[in-house]
Amino acid sequence: MRTTFNPEADAFDEFTRRVFVVVDTETTLPPERKGPQRLVSYAYTVLDSTTGFKSEKHHVFVNPGVPMDPKSTSKNGITTEMLVKKKDFKFHHAKLKAVLQRPDVIFVAHNANFDAGV
């Protein structure tokens, strides 16, 4: 048992016993820019450091119930036609929630406040 505090070793030990979920979302504004952003795509990768960082990758297109805003399409390349036959987020919610609510998960996102809010 180590009796002195070593921040680098302690951080390394902590992070090598954790699971990371790296999330990214893509959105669109509703028509006439009224209302909140609507989810059109999400992706996540589960990196499990306890198994040598083996990963699970998931990507889903989501029907937002509104046409894609042209400015959103110009940023993310996602068109209304790509989403028309996709399921809405209610269909995917339980699986994503189960991944994110694992007690050992560290949530990672480039713009975490936005992604978590969506």
PDB file of N, CA and C in Angstrom:
ATOM      1  N   MET A   1       0.840  -1.182   0.000  1.00  0.00           N
ATOM      2  CA  MET A   1       0.000   0.000   0.000  1.00  0.00           C
ATOM      3  C   MET A   1       0.881   1.239   0.000  1.00  0.00           C
ATOM      4  N   ARG A   2       0.565   2.171  -0.881  1.00  0.00           N
ATOM      5  CA  ARG A   2       1.330   3.410  -0.978  1.00  0.00           C
ATOM      6  C   ARG A   2       0.898   4.357   0.134  1.00  0.00           C
ATOM      7  N   THR A   3       1.867   4.985   0.811  1.00  0.00           N
ATOM      8  CA  THR A   3       1.541   5.871   1.931  1.00  0.00           C
ATOM      9  C   THR A   3       1.712   7.341   1.581  1.00  0.00           C
ATOM     10  N   THR A   4       2.350   7.656   0.446  1.00  0.00           N
ATOM     11  CA  THR A   4       2.509   9.050   0.046  1.00  0.00           C
ATOM     12  C   THR A   4       1.587   9.342  -1.125  1.00  0.00           C
ATOM     13  N   PHE A   5       1.200  10.597  -1.221  1.00  0.00           N
ATOM     14  CA  PHE A   5       0.311  11.018  -2.304  1.00  0.00           C
ATOM     15  C   PHE A   5       1.138  11.328  -3.542  1.00  0.00           C
ATOM     16  N   ASN A   6       0.794  10.715  -4.642  1.00  0.00           N
ATOM     17  CA  ASN A   6       1.448  10.954  -5.928  1.00  0.00           C
ATOM     18  C   ASN A   6       0.355  11.259  -6.940  1.00  0.00           C
ATOM     19  N   PRO A   7       0.117  12.549  -7.247  1.00  0.00           N
ATOM     20  CA  PRO A   7      -1.013  12.913  -8.114  1.00  0.00           C
ATOM     21  C   PRO A   7      -0.996  12.208  -9.467  1.00  0.00           C
ATOM     22  N   GLU A   8       0.160  12.086 -10.092  1.00  0.00           N
ATOM     23  CA  GLU A   8       0.210  11.446 -11.403  1.00  0.00           C
ATOM     24  C   GLU A   8      -0.155   9.976 -11.313  1.00  0.00           C
ATOM     25  N   ALA A   9       0.410   9.266 -10.367  1.00  0.00           N
ATOM     26  CA  ALA A   9       0.112   7.837 -10.216  1.00  0.00           C
ATOM     27  C   ALA A   9      -1.335   7.629  -9.791  1.00  0.00           C
ATOM     28  N   ASP A  10      -1.824   8.460  -8.870  1.00  0.00           N
ATOM     29  CA  ASP A  10      -3.197   8.318  -8.414  1.00  0.00           C
ATOM     30  C   ASP A  10      -4.186   8.596  -9.552  1.00  0.00           C
ATOM     31  N   ALA A  11      -3.926   9.614 -10.350  1.00  0.00           N
ATOM     32  CA  ALA A  11      -4.792   9.913 -11.500  1.00  0.00           C
ATOM     33  C   ALA A  11      -4.746   8.778 -12.512  1.00  0.00           C
ATOM     34  N   PHE A  12      -3.557   8.257 -12.784  1.00  0.00           N
ATOM     35  CA  PHE A  12      -3.422   7.143 -13.723  1.00  0.00           C
ATOM     36  C   PHE A  12      -4.208   5.933 -13.221  1.00  0.00           C
ATOM     37  N   ASP A  13      -4.056   5.622 -11.947  1.00  0.00           N
ATOM     38  CA  ASP A  13      -4.787   4.491 -11.370  1.00  0.00           C
ATOM     39  C   ASP A  13      -6.297   4.695 -11.489  1.00  0.00           C
ATOM     40  N   GLU A  14      -6.746   5.898 -11.202  1.00  0.00           N
ATOM     41  CA  GLU A  14      -8.190   6.183 -11.267  1.00  0.00           C
ATOM     42  C   GLU A  14      -8.716   6.048 -12.696  1.00  0.00           C
ATOM     43  N   PHE A  15      -8.005   6.629 -13.665  1.00  0.00           N
ATOM     44  CA  PHE A  15      -8.487   6.597 -15.039  1.00  0.00           C
ATOM     45  C   PHE A  15      -8.359   5.235 -15.694  1.00  0.00           C
ATOM     46  N   THR A  16      -7.501   4.389 -15.222  1.00  0.00           N
ATOM     47  CA  THR A  16      -7.387   3.060 -15.813  1.00  0.00           C
ATOM     48  C   THR A  16      -8.393   2.080 -15.218  1.00  0.00           C
ATOM     49  N   ARG A  17      -9.250   2.555 -14.357  1.00  0.00           N
ATOM     50  CA  ARG A  17     -10.327   1.729 -13.810  1.00  0.00           C
ATOM     51  C   ARG A  17     -11.692   2.259 -14.215  1.00  0.00           C
ATOM     52  N   ARG A  18     -11.749   3.105 -15.221  1.00  0.00           N
ATOM     53  CA  ARG A  18     -13.003   3.770 -15.567  1.00  0.00           C
ATOM     54  C   ARG A  18     -13.431   3.473 -17.000  1.00  0.00           C
ATOM     55  N   VAL A  19     -14.682   3.795 -17.266  1.00  0.00           N
ATOM     56  CA  VAL A  19     -15.252   3.687 -18.603  1.00  0.00           C
ATOM     57  C   VAL A  19     -15.594   5.103 -19.062  1.00  0.00           C
ATOM     58  N   PHE A  20     -15.174   5.440 -20.261  1.00  0.00           N
ATOM     59  CA  PHE A  20     -15.440   6.752 -20.839  1.00  0.00           C
ATOM     60  C   PHE A  20     -16.498   6.603 -21.927  1.00  0.00           C
ATOM     61  N   VAL A  21     -17.459   7.511 -21.953  1.00  0.00           N
ATOM     62  CA  VAL A  21     -18.418   7.568 -23.046  1.00  0.00           C
ATOM     63  C   VAL A  21     -18.241   8.926 -23.708  1.00  0.00           C
ATOM     64  N   VAL A  22     -17.757   8.889 -24.946  1.00  0.00           N
ATOM     65  CA  VAL A  22     -17.496  10.103 -25.709  1.00  0.00           C
ATOM     66  C   VAL A  22     -18.697  10.327 -26.627  1.00  0.00           C
ATOM     67  N   VAL A  23     -19.359  11.479 -26.476  1.00  0.00           N
ATOM     68  CA  VAL A  23     -20.624  11.743 -27.150  1.00  0.00           C
ATOM     69  C   VAL A  23     -20.510  12.968 -28.049  1.00  0.00           C
ATOM     70  N   ASP A  24     -21.207  12.895 -29.187  1.00  0.00           N
ATOM     71  CA  ASP A  24     -21.354  14.062 -30.055  1.00  0.00           C
ATOM     72  C   ASP A  24     -22.772  14.072 -30.601  1.00  0.00           C
ATOM     73  N   THR A  25     -23.341  15.254 -30.727  1.00  0.00           N
ATOM     74  CA  THR A  25     -24.688  15.395 -31.284  1.00  0.00           C
ATOM     75  C   THR A  25     -24.658  16.348 -32.463  1.00  0.00           C
ATOM     76  N   GLU A  26     -25.643  16.186 -33.333  1.00  0.00           N
ATOM     77  CA  GLU A  26     -25.894  17.127 -34.422  1.00  0.00           C
ATOM     78  C   GLU A  26     -27.354  17.536 -34.304  1.00  0.00           C
ATOM     79  N   THR A  27     -27.629  18.800 -34.603  1.00  0.00           N
ATOM     80  CA  THR A  27     -28.969  19.339 -34.408  1.00  0.00           C
ATOM     81  C   THR A  27     -29.398  20.203 -35.582  1.00  0.00           C
ATOM     82  N   THR A  28     -30.656  20.590 -35.535  1.00  0.00           N
ATOM     83  CA  THR A  28     -31.189  21.572 -36.474  1.00  0.00           C
ATOM     84  C   THR A  28     -32.128  22.490 -35.721  1.00  0.00           C
ATOM     85  N   LEU A  29     -32.275  23.674 -36.248  1.00  0.00           N
ATOM     86  CA  LEU A  29     -33.270  24.591 -35.705  1.00  0.00           C
ATOM     87  C   LEU A  29     -34.616  24.276 -36.336  1.00  0.00           C
ATOM     88  N   PRO A  30     -35.715  24.437 -35.592  1.00  0.00           N
ATOM     89  CA  PRO A  30     -37.034  24.244 -36.195  1.00  0.00           C
ATOM     90  C   PRO A  30     -37.338  25.381 -37.176  1.00  0.00           C
ATOM     91  N   PRO A  31     -38.378  25.228 -38.012  1.00  0.00           N
ATOM     92  CA  PRO A  31     -38.731  26.282 -38.968  1.00  0.00           C
ATOM     93  C   PRO A  31     -38.874  27.635 -38.285  1.00  0.00           C
ATOM     94  N   GLU A  32     -38.465  28.645 -38.999  1.00  0.00           N
ATOM     95  CA  GLU A  32     -38.523  30.036 -38.523  1.00  0.00           C
ATOM     96  C   GLU A  32     -37.737  30.245 -37.241  1.00  0.00           C
ATOM     97  N   ARG A  33     -36.836  29.297 -36.949  1.00  0.00           N
ATOM     98  CA  ARG A  33     -35.944  29.401 -35.802  1.00  0.00           C
ATOM     99  C   ARG A  33     -36.698  29.631 -34.485  1.00  0.00           C
ATOM    100  N   LYS A  34     -37.894  29.051 -34.399  1.00  0.00           N
ATOM    101  CA  LYS A  34     -38.693  29.184 -33.180  1.00  0.00           C
ATOM    102  C   LYS A  34     -38.589  27.883 -32.403  1.00  0.00           C
ATOM    103  N   GLY A  35     -38.128  27.979 -31.186  1.00  0.00           N
ATOM    104  CA  GLY A  35     -38.000  26.801 -30.341  1.00  0.00           C
ATOM    105  C   GLY A  35     -36.557  26.341 -30.234  1.00  0.00           C
ATOM    106  N   PRO A  36     -36.355  25.306 -29.432  1.00  0.00           N
ATOM    107  CA  PRO A  36     -34.994  24.808 -29.180  1.00  0.00           C
ATOM    108  C   PRO A  36     -34.450  23.994 -30.354  1.00  0.00           C
ATOM    109  N   GLN A  37     -33.153  23.787 -30.317  1.00  0.00           N
ATOM    110  CA  GLN A  37     -32.508  22.910 -31.289  1.00  0.00           C
ATOM    111  C   GLN A  37     -33.161  21.532 -31.220  1.00  0.00           C
ATOM    112  N   ARG A  38     -33.225  20.861 -32.350  1.00  0.00           N
ATOM    113  CA  ARG A  38     -33.769  19.500 -32.411  1.00  0.00           C
ATOM    114  C   ARG A  38     -32.657  18.526 -32.761  1.00  0.00           C
ATOM    115  N   LEU A  39     -32.603  17.423 -32.078  1.00  0.00           N
ATOM    116  CA  LEU A  39     -31.603  16.396 -32.327  1.00  0.00           C
ATOM    117  C   LEU A  39     -31.850  15.726 -33.673  1.00  0.00           C
ATOM    118  N   VAL A  40     -30.800  15.591 -34.498  1.00  0.00           N
ATOM    119  CA  VAL A  40     -30.919  14.879 -35.767  1.00  0.00           C
ATOM    120  C   VAL A  40     -29.946  13.706 -35.855  1.00  0.00           C
ATOM    121  N   SER A  41     -28.935  13.695 -35.007  1.00  0.00           N
ATOM    122  CA  SER A  41     -27.957  12.612 -35.025  1.00  0.00           C
ATOM    123  C   SER A  41     -27.193  12.623 -33.712  1.00  0.00           C
ATOM    124  N   TYR A  42     -26.866  11.432 -33.251  1.00  0.00           N
ATOM    125  CA  TYR A  42     -25.940  11.347 -32.124  1.00  0.00           C
ATOM    126  C   TYR A  42     -25.034  10.151 -32.333  1.00  0.00           C
ATOM    127  N   ALA A  43     -23.864  10.291 -31.781  1.00  0.00           N
ATOM    128  CA  ALA A  43     -22.898   9.205 -31.840  1.00  0.00           C
ATOM    129  C   ALA A  43     -22.209   9.134 -30.491  1.00  0.00           C
ATOM    130  N   TYR A  44     -21.859   7.918 -30.117  1.00  0.00           N
ATOM    131  CA  TYR A  44     -21.066   7.771 -28.914  1.00  0.00           C
ATOM    132  C   TYR A  44     -20.144   6.575 -29.057  1.00  0.00           C
ATOM    133  N   THR A  45     -19.035   6.684 -28.383  1.00  0.00           N
ATOM    134  CA  THR A  45     -18.076   5.594 -28.307  1.00  0.00           C
ATOM    135  C   THR A  45     -17.839   5.298 -26.842  1.00  0.00           C
ATOM    136  N   VAL A  46     -17.932   4.040 -26.485  1.00  0.00           N
ATOM    137  CA  VAL A  46     -17.646   3.608 -25.120  1.00  0.00           C
ATOM    138  C   VAL A  46     -16.217   3.076 -25.114  1.00  0.00           C
ATOM    139  N   LEU A  47     -15.377   3.716 -24.321  1.00  0.00           N
ATOM    140  CA  LEU A  47     -13.985   3.289 -24.176  1.00  0.00           C
ATOM    141  C   LEU A  47     -13.823   2.710 -22.782  1.00  0.00           C
ATOM    142  N   ASP A  48     -13.581   1.420 -22.725  1.00  0.00           N
ATOM    143  CA  ASP A  48     -13.467   0.741 -21.442  1.00  0.00           C
ATOM    144  C   ASP A  48     -11.993   0.514 -21.130  1.00  0.00           C
ATOM    145  N   SER A  49     -11.465   1.318 -20.242  1.00  0.00           N
ATOM    146  CA  SER A  49     -10.037   1.230 -19.917  1.00  0.00           C
ATOM    147  C   SER A  49      -9.692  -0.050 -19.168  1.00  0.00           C
ATOM    148  N   THR A  50     -10.687  -0.688 -18.580  1.00  0.00           N
ATOM    149  CA  THR A  50     -10.409  -1.923 -17.840  1.00  0.00           C
ATOM    150  C   THR A  50     -10.183  -3.109 -18.768  1.00  0.00           C
ATOM    151  N   THR A  51     -10.505  -2.945 -20.049  1.00  0.00           N
ATOM    152  CA  THR A  51     -10.308  -4.030 -21.025  1.00  0.00           C
ATOM    153  C   THR A  51      -9.333  -3.607 -22.124  1.00  0.00           C
ATOM    154  N   GLY A  52      -8.398  -2.734 -21.775  1.00  0.00           N
ATOM    155  CA  GLY A  52      -7.413  -2.293 -22.762  1.00  0.00           C
ATOM    156  C   GLY A  52      -7.980  -1.316 -23.771  1.00  0.00           C
ATOM    157  N   PHE A  53      -8.968  -0.536 -23.350  1.00  0.00           N
ATOM    158  CA  PHE A  53      -9.614   0.478 -24.180  1.00  0.00           C
ATOM    159  C   PHE A  53     -10.300  -0.104 -25.404  1.00  0.00           C
ATOM    160  N   LYS A  54     -10.885  -1.287 -25.252  1.00  0.00           N
ATOM    161  CA  LYS A  54     -11.754  -1.794 -26.312  1.00  0.00           C
ATOM    162  C   LYS A  54     -12.941  -0.852 -26.401  1.00  0.00           C
ATOM    163  N   SER A  55     -13.448  -0.670 -27.597  1.00  0.00           N
ATOM    164  CA  SER A  55     -14.509   0.313 -27.748  1.00  0.00           C
ATOM    165  C   SER A  55     -15.737  -0.264 -28.436  1.00  0.00           C
ATOM    166  N   GLU A  56     -16.865   0.356 -28.129  1.00  0.00           N
ATOM    167  CA  GLU A  56     -18.129   0.111 -28.821  1.00  0.00           C
ATOM    168  C   GLU A  56     -18.487   1.442 -29.474  1.00  0.00           C
ATOM    169  N   LYS A  57     -18.815   1.416 -30.755  1.00  0.00           N
ATOM    170  CA  LYS A  57     -19.171   2.654 -31.442  1.00  0.00           C
ATOM    171  C   LYS A  57     -20.624   2.587 -31.902  1.00  0.00           C
ATOM    172  N   HIS A  58     -21.339   3.691 -31.711  1.00  0.00           N
ATOM    173  CA  HIS A  58     -22.741   3.763 -32.100  1.00  0.00           C
ATOM    174  C   HIS A  58     -22.991   5.107 -32.781  1.00  0.00           C
ATOM    175  N   HIS A  59     -23.726   5.078 -33.888  1.00  0.00           N
ATOM    176  CA  HIS A  59     -24.146   6.302 -34.571  1.00  0.00           C
ATOM    177  C   HIS A  59     -25.586   6.125 -35.005  1.00  0.00           C
ATOM    178  N   VAL A  60     -26.409   7.120 -34.740  1.00  0.00           N
ATOM    179  CA  VAL A  60     -27.829   7.034 -35.042  1.00  0.00           C
ATOM    180  C   VAL A  60     -28.301   8.350 -35.652  1.00  0.00           C
ATOM    181  N   PHE A  61     -29.060   8.248 -36.742  1.00  0.00           N
ATOM    182  CA  PHE A  61     -29.798   9.397 -37.257  1.00  0.00           C
ATOM    183  C   PHE A  61     -31.168   9.383 -36.600  1.00  0.00           C
ATOM    184  N   VAL A  62     -31.672  10.573 -36.278  1.00  0.00           N
ATOM    185  CA  VAL A  62     -32.939  10.723 -35.566  1.00  0.00           C
ATOM    186  C   VAL A  62     -33.849  11.654 -36.365  1.00  0.00           C
ATOM    187  N   ASN A  63     -35.109  11.284 -36.508  1.00  0.00           N
ATOM    188  CA  ASN A  63     -36.075  12.152 -37.170  1.00  0.00           C
ATOM    189  C   ASN A  63     -36.489  13.246 -36.179  1.00  0.00           C
ATOM    190  N   PRO A  64     -36.175  14.512 -36.497  1.00  0.00           N
ATOM    191  CA  PRO A  64     -36.489  15.588 -35.556  1.00  0.00           C
ATOM    192  C   PRO A  64     -37.939  16.060 -35.626  1.00  0.00           C
ATOM    193  N   GLY A  65     -38.694  15.581 -36.615  1.00  0.00           N
ATOM    194  CA  GLY A  65     -40.082  16.006 -36.756  1.00  0.00           C
ATOM    195  C   GLY A  65     -40.243  17.340 -37.455  1.00  0.00           C
ATOM    196  N   VAL A  66     -39.138  17.911 -37.899  1.00  0.00           N
ATOM    197  CA  VAL A  66     -39.162  19.170 -38.652  1.00  0.00           C
ATOM    198  C   VAL A  66     -38.137  19.056 -39.791  1.00  0.00           C
ATOM    199  N   PRO A  67     -38.298  19.874 -40.846  1.00  0.00           N
ATOM    200  CA  PRO A  67     -37.283  19.862 -41.903  1.00  0.00           C
ATOM    201  C   PRO A  67     -35.951  20.402 -41.387  1.00  0.00           C
ATOM    202  N   MET A  68     -34.882  19.973 -42.013  1.00  0.00           N
ATOM    203  CA  MET A  68     -33.556  20.498 -41.657  1.00  0.00           C
ATOM    204  C   MET A  68     -33.457  21.967 -42.030  1.00  0.00           C
ATOM    205  N   ASP A  69     -32.900  22.749 -41.154  1.00  0.00           N
ATOM    206  CA  ASP A  69     -32.598  24.146 -41.437  1.00  0.00           C
ATOM    207  C   ASP A  69     -31.410  24.176 -42.402  1.00  0.00           C
ATOM    208  N   PRO A  70     -31.462  24.962 -43.472  1.00  0.00           N
ATOM    209  CA  PRO A  70     -30.351  24.997 -44.437  1.00  0.00           C
ATOM    210  C   PRO A  70     -28.994  25.327 -43.807  1.00  0.00           C
ATOM    211  N   LYS A  71     -28.974  26.193 -42.805  1.00  0.00           N
ATOM    212  CA  LYS A  71     -27.704  26.515 -42.140  1.00  0.00           C
ATOM    213  C   LYS A  71     -27.162  25.304 -41.383  1.00  0.00           C
ATOM    214  N   SER A  72     -28.057  24.539 -40.767  1.00  0.00           N
ATOM    215  CA  SER A  72     -27.622  23.328 -40.072  1.00  0.00           C
ATOM    216  C   SER A  72     -27.061  22.324 -41.064  1.00  0.00           C
ATOM    217  N   THR A  73     -27.749  22.148 -42.200  1.00  0.00           N
ATOM    218  CA  THR A  73     -27.273  21.223 -43.229  1.00  0.00           C
ATOM    219  C   THR A  73     -25.904  21.640 -43.739  1.00  0.00           C
ATOM    220  N   SER A  74     -25.690  22.942 -43.879  1.00  0.00           N
ATOM    221  CA  SER A  74     -24.385  23.396 -44.384  1.00  0.00           C
ATOM    222  C   SER A  74     -23.267  23.104 -43.387  1.00  0.00           C
ATOM    223  N   LYS A  75     -23.602  23.015 -42.108  1.00  0.00           N
ATOM    224  CA  LYS A  75     -22.584  22.720 -41.087  1.00  0.00           C
ATOM    225  C   LYS A  75     -22.356  21.226 -40.894  1.00  0.00           C
ATOM    226  N   ASN A  76     -23.447  20.435 -40.902  1.00  0.00           N
ATOM    227  CA  ASN A  76     -23.281  19.017 -40.562  1.00  0.00           C
ATOM    228  C   ASN A  76     -23.515  18.063 -41.732  1.00  0.00           C
ATOM    229  N   GLY A  77     -23.973  18.571 -42.876  1.00  0.00           N
ATOM    230  CA  GLY A  77     -24.154  17.730 -44.058  1.00  0.00           C
ATOM    231  C   GLY A  77     -25.373  16.829 -44.007  1.00  0.00           C
ATOM    232  N   ILE A  78     -26.199  16.973 -42.988  1.00  0.00           N
ATOM    233  CA  ILE A  78     -27.379  16.124 -42.838  1.00  0.00           C
ATOM    234  C   ILE A  78     -28.572  16.819 -43.496  1.00  0.00           C
ATOM    235  N   THR A  79     -29.283  16.075 -44.348  1.00  0.00           N
ATOM    236  CA  THR A  79     -30.420  16.638 -45.067  1.00  0.00           C
ATOM    237  C   THR A  79     -31.733  16.066 -44.540  1.00  0.00           C
ATOM    238  N   THR A  80     -32.808  16.757 -44.851  1.00  0.00           N
ATOM    239  CA  THR A  80     -34.143  16.281 -44.477  1.00  0.00           C
ATOM    240  C   THR A  80     -34.396  14.894 -45.049  1.00  0.00           C
ATOM    241  N   GLU A  81     -33.970  14.666 -46.284  1.00  0.00           N
ATOM    242  CA  GLU A  81     -34.192  13.382 -46.947  1.00  0.00           C
ATOM    243  C   GLU A  81     -33.509  12.231 -46.196  1.00  0.00           C
ATOM    244  N   MET A  82     -32.395  12.514 -45.571  1.00  0.00           N
ATOM    245  CA  MET A  82     -31.669  11.482 -44.817  1.00  0.00           C
ATOM    246  C   MET A  82     -32.426  11.067 -43.548  1.00  0.00           C
ATOM    247  N   LEU A  83     -33.342  11.904 -43.080  1.00  0.00           N
ATOM    248  CA  LEU A  83     -33.986  11.689 -41.785  1.00  0.00           C
ATOM    249  C   LEU A  83     -35.444  11.270 -41.853  1.00  0.00           C
ATOM    250  N   VAL A  84     -36.065  11.444 -43.000  1.00  0.00           N
ATOM    251  CA  VAL A  84     -37.509  11.246 -43.126  1.00  0.00           C
ATOM    252  C   VAL A  84     -37.977   9.885 -42.621  1.00  0.00           C
ATOM    253  N   LYS A  85     -37.273   8.831 -42.932  1.00  0.00           N
ATOM    254  CA  LYS A  85     -37.705   7.487 -42.537  1.00  0.00           C
ATOM    255  C   LYS A  85     -37.060   6.989 -41.245  1.00  0.00           C
ATOM    256  N   LYS A  86     -36.333   7.853 -40.569  1.00  0.00           N
ATOM    257  CA  LYS A  86     -35.681   7.470 -39.303  1.00  0.00           C
ATOM    258  C   LYS A  86     -36.676   7.583 -38.151  1.00  0.00           C
ATOM    259  N   LYS A  87     -36.383   6.900 -37.068  1.00  0.00           N
ATOM    260  CA  LYS A  87     -37.240   6.932 -35.885  1.00  0.00           C
ATOM    261  C   LYS A  87     -36.926   8.169 -35.051  1.00  0.00           C
ATOM    262  N   ASP A  88     -37.912   8.603 -34.266  1.00  0.00           N
ATOM    263  CA  ASP A  88     -37.658   9.756 -33.404  1.00  0.00           C
ATOM    264  C   ASP A  88     -36.864   9.311 -32.171  1.00  0.00           C
ATOM    265  N   PHE A  89     -36.447  10.286 -31.386  1.00  0.00           N
ATOM    266  CA  PHE A  89     -35.546   9.999 -30.278  1.00  0.00           C
ATOM    267  C   PHE A  89     -36.167   9.085 -29.223  1.00  0.00           C
ATOM    268  N   LYS A  90     -37.478   9.113 -29.059  1.00  0.00           N
ATOM    269  CA  LYS A  90     -38.126   8.250 -28.061  1.00  0.00           C
ATOM    270  C   LYS A  90     -37.742   6.785 -28.261  1.00  0.00           C
ATOM    271  N   PHE A  91     -37.546   6.381 -29.506  1.00  0.00           N
ATOM    272  CA  PHE A  91     -37.182   5.008 -29.819  1.00  0.00           C
ATOM    273  C   PHE A  91     -35.794   4.656 -29.284  1.00  0.00           C
ATOM    274  N   HIS A  92     -34.885   5.614 -29.273  1.00  0.00           N
ATOM    275  CA  HIS A  92     -33.486   5.381 -28.905  1.00  0.00           C
ATOM    276  C   HIS A  92     -33.167   5.727 -27.458  1.00  0.00           C
ATOM    277  N   HIS A  93     -34.035   6.456 -26.813  1.00  0.00           N
ATOM    278  CA  HIS A  93     -33.773   7.042 -25.508  1.00  0.00           C
ATOM    279  C   HIS A  93     -33.281   6.040 -24.462  1.00  0.00           C
ATOM    280  N   ALA A  94     -33.951   4.925 -24.322  1.00  0.00           N
ATOM    281  CA  ALA A  94     -33.627   3.975 -23.239  1.00  0.00           C
ATOM    282  C   ALA A  94     -32.210   3.431 -23.362  1.00  0.00           C
ATOM    283  N   LYS A  95     -31.784   3.102 -24.567  1.00  0.00           N
ATOM    284  CA  LYS A  95     -30.439   2.546 -24.737  1.00  0.00           C
ATOM    285  C   LYS A  95     -29.368   3.580 -24.396  1.00  0.00           C
ATOM    286  N   LEU A  96     -29.530   4.795 -24.887  1.00  0.00           N
ATOM    287  CA  LEU A  96     -28.551   5.839 -24.597  1.00  0.00           C
ATOM    288  C   LEU A  96     -28.537   6.161 -23.103  1.00  0.00           C
ATOM    289  N   LYS A  97     -29.689   6.238 -22.495  1.00  0.00           N
ATOM    290  CA  LYS A  97     -29.781   6.529 -21.066  1.00  0.00           C
ATOM    291  C   LYS A  97     -29.057   5.451 -20.251  1.00  0.00           C
ATOM    292  N   ALA A  98     -29.241   4.193 -20.637  1.00  0.00           N
ATOM    293  CA  ALA A  98     -28.586   3.094 -19.918  1.00  0.00           C
ATOM    294  C   ALA A  98     -27.068   3.200 -20.009  1.00  0.00           C
ATOM    295  N   VAL A  99     -26.559   3.598 -21.151  1.00  0.00           N
ATOM    296  CA  VAL A  99     -25.101   3.750 -21.322  1.00  0.00           C
ATOM    297  C   VAL A  99     -24.580   4.889 -20.452  1.00  0.00           C
ATOM    298  N   LEU A 100     -25.280   6.001 -20.462  1.00  0.00           N
ATOM    299  CA  LEU A 100     -24.802   7.182 -19.741  1.00  0.00           C
ATOM    300  C   LEU A 100     -25.005   7.095 -18.232  1.00  0.00           C
ATOM    301  N   GLN A 101     -25.914   6.270 -17.769  1.00  0.00           N
ATOM    302  CA  GLN A 101     -26.189   6.197 -16.336  1.00  0.00           C
ATOM    303  C   GLN A 101     -25.404   5.119 -15.613  1.00  0.00           C
ATOM    304  N   ARG A 102     -24.515   4.433 -16.312  1.00  0.00           N
ATOM    305  CA  ARG A 102     -23.673   3.462 -15.613  1.00  0.00           C
ATOM    306  C   ARG A 102     -22.858   4.206 -14.559  1.00  0.00           C
ATOM    307  N   PRO A 103     -22.736   3.659 -13.357  1.00  0.00           N
ATOM    308  CA  PRO A 103     -22.062   4.386 -12.276  1.00  0.00           C
ATOM    309  C   PRO A 103     -20.565   4.600 -12.500  1.00  0.00           C
ATOM    310  N   ASP A 104     -19.944   3.812 -13.366  1.00  0.00           N
ATOM    311  CA  ASP A 104     -18.511   3.935 -13.579  1.00  0.00           C
ATOM    312  C   ASP A 104     -18.151   4.819 -14.771  1.00  0.00           C
ATOM    313  N   VAL A 105     -19.131   5.457 -15.393  1.00  0.00           N
ATOM    314  CA  VAL A 105     -18.911   6.196 -16.637  1.00  0.00           C
ATOM    315  C   VAL A 105     -18.449   7.627 -16.387  1.00  0.00           C
ATOM    316  N   ILE A 106     -17.471   8.025 -17.182  1.00  0.00           N
ATOM    317  CA  ILE A 106     -17.083   9.432 -17.271  1.00  0.00           C
ATOM    318  C   ILE A 106     -17.576   9.926 -18.619  1.00  0.00           C
ATOM    319  N   PHE A 107     -18.433  10.938 -18.605  1.00  0.00           N
ATOM    320  CA  PHE A 107     -19.034  11.519 -19.798  1.00  0.00           C
ATOM    321  C   PHE A 107     -18.042  12.506 -20.405  1.00  0.00           C
ATOM    322  N   VAL A 108     -17.755  12.357 -21.708  1.00  0.00           N
ATOM    323  CA  VAL A 108     -16.806  13.227 -22.401  1.00  0.00           C
ATOM    324  C   VAL A 108     -17.494  13.792 -23.640  1.00  0.00           C
ATOM    325  N   ALA A 109     -17.422  15.098 -23.826  1.00  0.00           N
ATOM    326  CA  ALA A 109     -17.969  15.734 -25.024  1.00  0.00           C
ATOM    327  C   ALA A 109     -17.240  17.041 -25.266  1.00  0.00           C
ATOM    328  N   HIS A 110     -17.097  17.395 -26.530  1.00  0.00           N
ATOM    329  CA  HIS A 110     -16.418  18.641 -26.887  1.00  0.00           C
ATOM    330  C   HIS A 110     -17.191  19.841 -26.344  1.00  0.00           C
ATOM    331  N   ASN A 111     -18.486  19.817 -26.504  1.00  0.00           N
ATOM    332  CA  ASN A 111     -19.339  20.902 -26.023  1.00  0.00           C
ATOM    333  C   ASN A 111     -20.376  20.277 -25.085  1.00  0.00           C
ATOM    334  N   ALA A 112     -19.918  19.822 -23.945  1.00  0.00           N
ATOM    335  CA  ALA A 112     -20.719  18.979 -23.053  1.00  0.00           C
ATOM    336  C   ALA A 112     -22.027  19.642 -22.613  1.00  0.00           C
ATOM    337  N   ASN A 113     -22.034  20.913 -22.295  1.00  0.00           N
ATOM    338  CA  ASN A 113     -23.262  21.566 -21.873  1.00  0.00           C
ATOM    339  C   ASN A 113     -24.317  21.501 -22.967  1.00  0.00           C
ATOM    340  N   PHE A 114     -23.909  21.752 -24.201  1.00  0.00           N
ATOM    341  CA  PHE A 114     -24.846  21.699 -25.320  1.00  0.00           C
ATOM    342  C   PHE A 114     -25.313  20.265 -25.551  1.00  0.00           C
ATOM    343  N   ASP A 115     -24.370  19.313 -25.661  1.00  0.00           N
ATOM    344  CA  ASP A 115     -24.713  17.921 -25.948  1.00  0.00           C
ATOM    345  C   ASP A 115     -25.603  17.329 -24.864  1.00  0.00           C
ATOM    346  N   ALA A 116     -25.312  17.603 -23.612  1.00  0.00           N
ATOM    347  CA  ALA A 116     -26.135  17.081 -22.524  1.00  0.00           C
ATOM    348  C   ALA A 116     -27.523  17.716 -22.556  1.00  0.00           C
ATOM    349  N   GLY A 117     -27.591  18.978 -22.921  1.00  0.00           N
ATOM    350  CA  GLY A 117     -28.884  19.664 -23.006  1.00  0.00           C
ATOM    351  C   GLY A 117     -29.770  19.147 -24.112  1.00  0.00           C
ATOM    352  N   VAL A 118     -29.157  18.753 -25.209  1.00  0.00           N
ATOM    353  CA  VAL A 118     -29.922  18.219 -26.332  1.00  0.00           C
ATOM    354  C   VAL A 118     -30.466  16.870 -25.953  1.00  0.00           C
TER     355      VAL A 118
END
